[in-house]
């Protein structure tokens, strides 16, 4: 695979991972310069941001699950 195709594949992978244009540009700057540690820092930060977002969503789901449980409990006690 030539360098141009390899770079295109890396960019597509970063897009698929949800990276924005600035993150991709920053990563590619390091990629082209062969600065592996900086590359890792860029995608590690994005990974952390994704995990933080996931945890927020998980907390929201937990809140909905708790509300559903409360409703079921209320409904169940009103049937008795």
PDB file of N, CA and C in Angstrom:
ATOM      1  N   UNK A   1       0.858  -1.179   0.000  1.00  0.00           N
ATOM      2  CA  UNK A   1       0.000   0.000   0.000  1.00  0.00           C
ATOM      3  C   UNK A   1       0.899   1.235   0.000  1.00  0.00           C
ATOM      4  N   UNK A   2       0.667   2.123  -0.923  1.00  0.00           N
ATOM      5  CA  UNK A   2       1.515   3.311  -0.986  1.00  0.00           C
ATOM      6  C   UNK A   2       1.130   4.295   0.121  1.00  0.00           C
ATOM      7  N   UNK A   3       1.995   5.263   0.339  1.00  0.00           N
ATOM      8  CA  UNK A   3       1.831   6.213   1.441  1.00  0.00           C
ATOM      9  C   UNK A   3       0.501   6.973   1.367  1.00  0.00           C
ATOM     10  N   UNK A   4       0.100   7.374   0.175  1.00  0.00           N
ATOM     11  CA  UNK A   4      -1.148   8.129   0.018  1.00  0.00           C
ATOM     12  C   UNK A   4      -2.357   7.288   0.438  1.00  0.00           C
ATOM     13  N   UNK A   5      -2.370   6.033   0.034  1.00  0.00           N
ATOM     14  CA  UNK A   5      -3.475   5.144   0.412  1.00  0.00           C
ATOM     15  C   UNK A   5      -3.449   4.856   1.906  1.00  0.00           C
ATOM     16  N   UNK A   6      -2.249   4.715   2.450  1.00  0.00           N
ATOM     17  CA  UNK A   6      -2.123   4.454   3.881  1.00  0.00           C
ATOM     18  C   UNK A   6      -2.647   5.645   4.688  1.00  0.00           C
ATOM     19  N   UNK A   7      -2.283   6.863   4.261  1.00  0.00           N
ATOM     20  CA  UNK A   7      -2.773   8.055   4.945  1.00  0.00           C
ATOM     21  C   UNK A   7      -4.287   8.172   4.830  1.00  0.00           C
ATOM     22  N   UNK A   8      -4.822   7.866   3.651  1.00  0.00           N
ATOM     23  CA  UNK A   8      -6.275   7.909   3.455  1.00  0.00           C
ATOM     24  C   UNK A   8      -6.964   6.905   4.381  1.00  0.00           C
ATOM     25  N   UNK A   9      -6.361   5.734   4.552  1.00  0.00           N
ATOM     26  CA  UNK A   9      -6.931   4.715   5.430  1.00  0.00           C
ATOM     27  C   UNK A   9      -6.889   5.171   6.891  1.00  0.00           C
ATOM     28  N   UNK A  10      -5.814   5.818   7.281  1.00  0.00           N
ATOM     29  CA  UNK A  10      -5.691   6.330   8.651  1.00  0.00           C
ATOM     30  C   UNK A  10      -6.745   7.408   8.892  1.00  0.00           C
ATOM     31  N   UNK A  11      -6.884   8.327   7.942  1.00  0.00           N
ATOM     32  CA  UNK A  11      -7.879   9.387   8.072  1.00  0.00           C
ATOM     33  C   UNK A  11      -9.283   8.802   8.173  1.00  0.00           C
ATOM     34  N   UNK A  12      -9.588   7.817   7.335  1.00  0.00           N
ATOM     35  CA  UNK A  12     -10.911   7.186   7.391  1.00  0.00           C
ATOM     36  C   UNK A  12     -11.133   6.509   8.734  1.00  0.00           C
ATOM     37  N   UNK A  13     -10.109   5.867   9.259  1.00  0.00           N
ATOM     38  CA  UNK A  13     -10.222   5.218  10.561  1.00  0.00           C
ATOM     39  C   UNK A  13     -10.503   6.245  11.650  1.00  0.00           C
ATOM     40  N   UNK A  14      -9.818   7.380  11.584  1.00  0.00           N
ATOM     41  CA  UNK A  14     -10.047   8.434  12.570  1.00  0.00           C
ATOM     42  C   UNK A  14     -11.465   9.000  12.446  1.00  0.00           C
ATOM     43  N   UNK A  15     -11.945   9.162  11.215  1.00  0.00           N
ATOM     44  CA  UNK A  15     -13.331   9.618  11.012  1.00  0.00           C
ATOM     45  C   UNK A  15     -14.308   8.607  11.596  1.00  0.00           C
ATOM     46  N   UNK A  16     -14.057   7.336  11.300  1.00  0.00           N
ATOM     47  CA  UNK A  16     -14.933   6.275  11.807  1.00  0.00           C
ATOM     48  C   UNK A  16     -14.948   6.247  13.339  1.00  0.00           C
ATOM     49  N   UNK A  17     -13.843   6.679  13.933  1.00  0.00           N
ATOM     50  CA  UNK A  17     -13.744   6.728  15.391  1.00  0.00           C
ATOM     51  C   UNK A  17     -14.380   7.990  15.959  1.00  0.00           C
ATOM     52  N   UNK A  18     -14.911   8.853  15.071  1.00  0.00           N
ATOM     53  CA  UNK A  18     -15.608  10.048  15.527  1.00  0.00           C
ATOM     54  C   UNK A  18     -14.718  11.257  15.757  1.00  0.00           C
ATOM     55  N   UNK A  19     -13.501  11.218  15.245  1.00  0.00           N
ATOM     56  CA  UNK A  19     -12.602  12.364  15.407  1.00  0.00           C
ATOM     57  C   UNK A  19     -13.079  13.530  14.547  1.00  0.00           C
ATOM     58  N   UNK A  20     -12.951  14.734  15.103  1.00  0.00           N
ATOM     59  CA  UNK A  20     -13.310  15.914  14.325  1.00  0.00           C
ATOM     60  C   UNK A  20     -12.125  16.332  13.447  1.00  0.00           C
ATOM     61  N   UNK A  21     -12.349  17.335  12.610  1.00  0.00           N
ATOM     62  CA  UNK A  21     -11.317  17.760  11.657  1.00  0.00           C
ATOM     63  C   UNK A  21     -10.043  18.218  12.350  1.00  0.00           C
ATOM     64  N   UNK A  22     -10.181  18.939  13.460  1.00  0.00           N
ATOM     65  CA  UNK A  22      -8.996  19.420  14.174  1.00  0.00           C
ATOM     66  C   UNK A  22      -8.175  18.264  14.740  1.00  0.00           C
ATOM     67  N   UNK A  23      -8.854  17.278  15.296  1.00  0.00           N
ATOM     68  CA  UNK A  23      -8.160  16.114  15.851  1.00  0.00           C
ATOM     69  C   UNK A  23      -7.446  15.352  14.741  1.00  0.00           C
ATOM     70  N   UNK A  24      -8.135  15.181  13.616  1.00  0.00           N
ATOM     71  CA  UNK A  24      -7.530  14.485  12.477  1.00  0.00           C
ATOM     72  C   UNK A  24      -6.317  15.253  11.962  1.00  0.00           C
ATOM     73  N   UNK A  25      -6.452  16.550  11.826  1.00  0.00           N
ATOM     74  CA  UNK A  25      -5.337  17.372  11.333  1.00  0.00           C
ATOM     75  C   UNK A  25      -4.147  17.285  12.278  1.00  0.00           C
ATOM     76  N   UNK A  26      -4.421  17.361  13.565  1.00  0.00           N
ATOM     77  CA  UNK A  26      -3.350  17.266  14.556  1.00  0.00           C
ATOM     78  C   UNK A  26      -2.667  15.901  14.469  1.00  0.00           C
ATOM     79  N   UNK A  27      -3.474  14.849  14.421  1.00  0.00           N
ATOM     80  CA  UNK A  27      -2.913  13.502  14.337  1.00  0.00           C
ATOM     81  C   UNK A  27      -2.068  13.341  13.080  1.00  0.00           C
ATOM     82  N   UNK A  28      -2.605  13.794  11.959  1.00  0.00           N
ATOM     83  CA  UNK A  28      -1.892  13.611  10.690  1.00  0.00           C
ATOM     84  C   UNK A  28      -0.584  14.397  10.649  1.00  0.00           C
ATOM     85  N   UNK A  29      -0.548  15.527  11.314  1.00  0.00           N
ATOM     86  CA  UNK A  29       0.695  16.297  11.396  1.00  0.00           C
ATOM     87  C   UNK A  29       1.768  15.445  12.083  1.00  0.00           C
ATOM     88  N   UNK A  30       1.398  14.824  13.177  1.00  0.00           N
ATOM     89  CA  UNK A  30       2.345  13.957  13.891  1.00  0.00           C
ATOM     90  C   UNK A  30       2.650  12.691  13.095  1.00  0.00           C
ATOM     91  N   UNK A  31       1.636  12.145  12.444  1.00  0.00           N
ATOM     92  CA  UNK A  31       1.799  10.926  11.648  1.00  0.00           C
ATOM     93  C   UNK A  31       2.818  11.150  10.533  1.00  0.00           C
ATOM     94  N   UNK A  32       2.657  12.252   9.841  1.00  0.00           N
ATOM     95  CA  UNK A  32       3.564  12.556   8.728  1.00  0.00           C
ATOM     96  C   UNK A  32       4.988  12.837   9.207  1.00  0.00           C
ATOM     97  N   UNK A  33       5.108  13.350  10.428  1.00  0.00           N
ATOM     98  CA  UNK A  33       6.425  13.632  10.988  1.00  0.00           C
ATOM     99  C   UNK A  33       7.020  12.417  11.689  1.00  0.00           C
ATOM    100  N   UNK A  34       6.228  11.351  11.806  1.00  0.00           N
ATOM    101  CA  UNK A  34       6.716  10.133  12.463  1.00  0.00           C
ATOM    102  C   UNK A  34       6.832  10.271  13.972  1.00  0.00           C
ATOM    103  N   UNK A  35       6.048  11.165  14.550  1.00  0.00           N
ATOM    104  CA  UNK A  35       6.091  11.409  15.990  1.00  0.00           C
ATOM    105  C   UNK A  35       5.039  10.540  16.685  1.00  0.00           C
ATOM    106  N   UNK A  36       5.434   9.308  16.940  1.00  0.00           N
ATOM    107  CA  UNK A  36       4.510   8.288  17.431  1.00  0.00           C
ATOM    108  C   UNK A  36       3.927   8.638  18.796  1.00  0.00           C
ATOM    109  N   UNK A  37       4.736   9.127  19.704  1.00  0.00           N
ATOM    110  CA  UNK A  37       4.226   9.450  21.047  1.00  0.00           C
ATOM    111  C   UNK A  37       3.140  10.521  20.982  1.00  0.00           C
ATOM    112  N   UNK A  38       3.322  11.518  20.136  1.00  0.00           N
ATOM    113  CA  UNK A  38       2.317  12.561  19.994  1.00  0.00           C
ATOM    114  C   UNK A  38       1.053  12.009  19.332  1.00  0.00           C
ATOM    115  N   UNK A  39       1.218  11.102  18.369  1.00  0.00           N
ATOM    116  CA  UNK A  39       0.064  10.439  17.754  1.00  0.00           C
ATOM    117  C   UNK A  39      -0.746   9.745  18.835  1.00  0.00           C
ATOM    118  N   UNK A  40      -0.050   8.997  19.670  1.00  0.00           N
ATOM    119  CA  UNK A  40      -0.722   8.259  20.734  1.00  0.00           C
ATOM    120  C   UNK A  40      -1.433   9.195  21.701  1.00  0.00           C
ATOM    121  N   UNK A  41      -0.841  10.343  21.968  1.00  0.00           N
ATOM    122  CA  UNK A  41      -1.483  11.314  22.856  1.00  0.00           C
ATOM    123  C   UNK A  41      -2.783  11.829  22.246  1.00  0.00           C
ATOM    124  N   UNK A  42      -2.750  12.090  20.935  1.00  0.00           N
ATOM    125  CA  UNK A  42      -3.951  12.600  20.268  1.00  0.00           C
ATOM    126  C   UNK A  42      -5.072  11.574  20.338  1.00  0.00           C
ATOM    127  N   UNK A  43      -4.786  10.320  19.971  1.00  0.00           N
ATOM    128  CA  UNK A  43      -5.897   9.371  19.979  1.00  0.00           C
ATOM    129  C   UNK A  43      -6.240   8.902  21.385  1.00  0.00           C
ATOM    130  N   UNK A  44      -5.300   8.975  22.311  1.00  0.00           N
ATOM    131  CA  UNK A  44      -5.618   8.654  23.709  1.00  0.00           C
ATOM    132  C   UNK A  44      -6.579   9.684  24.287  1.00  0.00           C
ATOM    133  N   UNK A  45      -6.377  10.955  23.950  1.00  0.00           N
ATOM    134  CA  UNK A  45      -7.289  11.998  24.408  1.00  0.00           C
ATOM    135  C   UNK A  45      -8.680  11.780  23.817  1.00  0.00           C
ATOM    136  N   UNK A  46      -8.733  11.459  22.532  1.00  0.00           N
ATOM    137  CA  UNK A  46     -10.039  11.221  21.904  1.00  0.00           C
ATOM    138  C   UNK A  46     -10.712  10.001  22.534  1.00  0.00           C
ATOM    139  N   UNK A  47      -9.935   8.967  22.798  1.00  0.00           N
ATOM    140  CA  UNK A  47     -10.486   7.767  23.430  1.00  0.00           C
ATOM    141  C   UNK A  47     -11.056   8.104  24.808  1.00  0.00           C
ATOM    142  N   UNK A  48     -10.325   8.911  25.572  1.00  0.00           N
ATOM    143  CA  UNK A  48     -10.794   9.337  26.895  1.00  0.00           C
ATOM    144  C   UNK A  48     -12.085  10.126  26.762  1.00  0.00           C
ATOM    145  N   UNK A  49     -12.138  11.034  25.782  1.00  0.00           N
ATOM    146  CA  UNK A  49     -13.361  11.816  25.560  1.00  0.00           C
ATOM    147  C   UNK A  49     -14.546  10.906  25.228  1.00  0.00           C
ATOM    148  N   UNK A  50     -14.292   9.887  24.397  1.00  0.00           N
ATOM    149  CA  UNK A  50     -15.364   8.938  24.064  1.00  0.00           C
ATOM    150  C   UNK A  50     -15.825   8.166  25.297  1.00  0.00           C
ATOM    151  N   UNK A  51     -14.869   7.737  26.116  1.00  0.00           N
ATOM    152  CA  UNK A  51     -15.234   7.015  27.339  1.00  0.00           C
ATOM    153  C   UNK A  51     -16.015   7.899  28.293  1.00  0.00           C
ATOM    154  N   UNK A  52     -15.608   9.169  28.409  1.00  0.00           N
ATOM    155  CA  UNK A  52     -16.343  10.103  29.263  1.00  0.00           C
ATOM    156  C   UNK A  52     -17.784  10.245  28.772  1.00  0.00           C
ATOM    157  N   UNK A  53     -17.954  10.375  27.455  1.00  0.00           N
ATOM    158  CA  UNK A  53     -19.297  10.485  26.879  1.00  0.00           C
ATOM    159  C   UNK A  53     -20.102   9.205  27.134  1.00  0.00           C
ATOM    160  N   UNK A  54     -19.444   8.074  27.019  1.00  0.00           N
ATOM    161  CA  UNK A  54     -20.099   6.793  27.281  1.00  0.00           C
ATOM    162  C   UNK A  54     -20.579   6.717  28.726  1.00  0.00           C
ATOM    163  N   UNK A  55     -19.749   7.179  29.646  1.00  0.00           N
ATOM    164  CA  UNK A  55     -20.120   7.144  31.062  1.00  0.00           C
ATOM    165  C   UNK A  55     -21.302   8.070  31.342  1.00  0.00           C
ATOM    166  N   UNK A  56     -21.337   9.219  30.683  1.00  0.00           N
ATOM    167  CA  UNK A  56     -22.479  10.121  30.829  1.00  0.00           C
ATOM    168  C   UNK A  56     -23.744   9.419  30.334  1.00  0.00           C
ATOM    169  N   UNK A  57     -23.655   8.792  29.168  1.00  0.00           N
ATOM    170  CA  UNK A  57     -24.816   8.063  28.620  1.00  0.00           C
ATOM    171  C   UNK A  57     -25.227   6.928  29.540  1.00  0.00           C
ATOM    172  N   UNK A  58     -24.259   6.219  30.106  1.00  0.00           N
ATOM    173  CA  UNK A  58     -24.577   5.118  31.014  1.00  0.00           C
ATOM    174  C   UNK A  58     -25.314   5.631  32.241  1.00  0.00           C
ATOM    175  N   UNK A  59     -24.883   6.770  32.764  1.00  0.00           N
ATOM    176  CA  UNK A  59     -25.560   7.353  33.922  1.00  0.00           C
ATOM    177  C   UNK A  59     -26.993   7.727  33.560  1.00  0.00           C
ATOM    178  N   UNK A  60     -27.202   8.273  32.360  1.00  0.00           N
ATOM    179  CA  UNK A  60     -28.550   8.632  31.917  1.00  0.00           C
ATOM    180  C   UNK A  60     -29.425   7.390  31.782  1.00  0.00           C
ATOM    181  N   UNK A  61     -28.856   6.321  31.254  1.00  0.00           N
ATOM    182  CA  UNK A  61     -29.594   5.058  31.133  1.00  0.00           C
ATOM    183  C   UNK A  61     -29.941   4.529  32.520  1.00  0.00           C
ATOM    184  N   UNK A  62     -28.995   4.610  33.452  1.00  0.00           N
ATOM    185  CA  UNK A  62     -29.254   4.171  34.822  1.00  0.00           C
ATOM    186  C   UNK A  62     -30.407   4.956  35.441  1.00  0.00           C
ATOM    187  N   UNK A  63     -30.455   6.275  35.170  1.00  0.00           N
ATOM    188  CA  UNK A  63     -31.554   7.101  35.683  1.00  0.00           C
ATOM    189  C   UNK A  63     -32.893   6.645  35.111  1.00  0.00           C
ATOM    190  N   UNK A  64     -32.909   6.370  33.808  1.00  0.00           N
ATOM    191  CA  UNK A  64     -34.142   5.886  33.184  1.00  0.00           C
ATOM    192  C   UNK A  64     -34.540   4.519  33.732  1.00  0.00           C
ATOM    193  N   UNK A  65     -33.573   3.640  33.927  1.00  0.00           N
ATOM    194  CA  UNK A  65     -33.862   2.320  34.492  1.00  0.00           C
ATOM    195  C   UNK A  65     -34.438   2.447  35.904  1.00  0.00           C
ATOM    196  N   UNK A  66     -33.885   3.363  36.681  1.00  0.00           N
ATOM    197  CA  UNK A  66     -34.392   3.579  38.039  1.00  0.00           C
ATOM    198  C   UNK A  66     -35.828   4.103  38.001  1.00  0.00           C
ATOM    199  N   UNK A  67     -36.083   5.047  37.102  1.00  0.00           N
ATOM    200  CA  UNK A  67     -37.432   5.583  36.962  1.00  0.00           C
ATOM    201  C   UNK A  67     -38.399   4.482  36.535  1.00  0.00           C
ATOM    202  N   UNK A  68     -37.991   3.650  35.590  1.00  0.00           N
ATOM    203  CA  UNK A  68     -38.842   2.534  35.148  1.00  0.00           C
ATOM    204  C   UNK A  68     -39.115   1.586  36.306  1.00  0.00           C
ATOM    205  N   UNK A  69     -38.103   1.323  37.115  1.00  0.00           N
ATOM    206  CA  UNK A  69     -38.269   0.450  38.274  1.00  0.00           C
ATOM    207  C   UNK A  69     -39.261   1.060  39.259  1.00  0.00           C
ATOM    208  N   UNK A  70     -39.131   2.380  39.490  1.00  0.00           N
ATOM    209  CA  UNK A  70     -40.062   3.044  40.411  1.00  0.00           C
ATOM    210  C   UNK A  70     -41.500   2.957  39.899  1.00  0.00           C
ATOM    211  N   UNK A  71     -41.683   3.167  38.608  1.00  0.00           N
ATOM    212  CA  UNK A  71     -43.020   3.106  38.017  1.00  0.00           C
ATOM    213  C   UNK A  71     -43.586   1.699  38.138  1.00  0.00           C
ATOM    214  N   UNK A  72     -42.779   0.691  37.841  1.00  0.00           N
ATOM    215  CA  UNK A  72     -43.232  -0.693  37.952  1.00  0.00           C
ATOM    216  C   UNK A  72     -43.588  -1.034  39.392  1.00  0.00           C
ATOM    217  N   UNK A  73     -42.763  -0.546  40.320  1.00  0.00           N
ATOM    218  CA  UNK A  73     -43.018  -0.802  41.736  1.00  0.00           C
ATOM    219  C   UNK A  73     -44.333  -0.141  42.172  1.00  0.00           C
ATOM    220  N   UNK A  74     -44.550   1.088  41.730  1.00  0.00           N
ATOM    221  CA  UNK A  74     -45.792   1.816  42.059  1.00  0.00           C
ATOM    222  C   UNK A  74     -46.997   1.107  41.457  1.00  0.00           C
ATOM    223  N   UNK A  75     -46.866   0.679  40.202  1.00  0.00           N
ATOM    224  CA  UNK A  75     -47.958  -0.009  39.513  1.00  0.00           C
ATOM    225  C   UNK A  75     -48.262  -1.343  40.193  1.00  0.00           C
ATOM    226  N   UNK A  76     -47.212  -2.042  40.575  1.00  0.00           N
ATOM    227  CA  UNK A  76     -47.369  -3.336  41.209  1.00  0.00           C
ATOM    228  C   UNK A  76     -48.058  -3.180  42.579  1.00  0.00           C
ATOM    229  N   UNK A  77     -47.716  -2.154  43.324  1.00  0.00           N
ATOM    230  CA  UNK A  77     -48.313  -1.964  44.645  1.00  0.00           C
ATOM    231  C   UNK A  77     -49.752  -1.456  44.533  1.00  0.00           C
ATOM    232  N   UNK A  78     -50.090  -0.771  43.442  1.00  0.00           N
ATOM    233  CA  UNK A  78     -51.461  -0.284  43.279  1.00  0.00           C
ATOM    234  C   UNK A  78     -52.418  -1.395  42.861  1.00  0.00           C
ATOM    235  N   UNK A  79     -51.879  -2.489  42.349  1.00  0.00           N
ATOM    236  CA  UNK A  79     -52.706  -3.634  41.931  1.00  0.00           C
ATOM    237  C   UNK A  79     -53.126  -4.476  43.128  1.00  0.00           C
ATOM    238  N   UNK A  80     -52.398  -4.352  44.226  1.00  0.00           N
ATOM    239  CA  UNK A  80     -52.681  -5.197  45.393  1.00  0.00           C
ATOM    240  C   UNK A  80     -53.891  -4.750  46.155  1.00  0.00           C
TER     241      UNK A  80
END
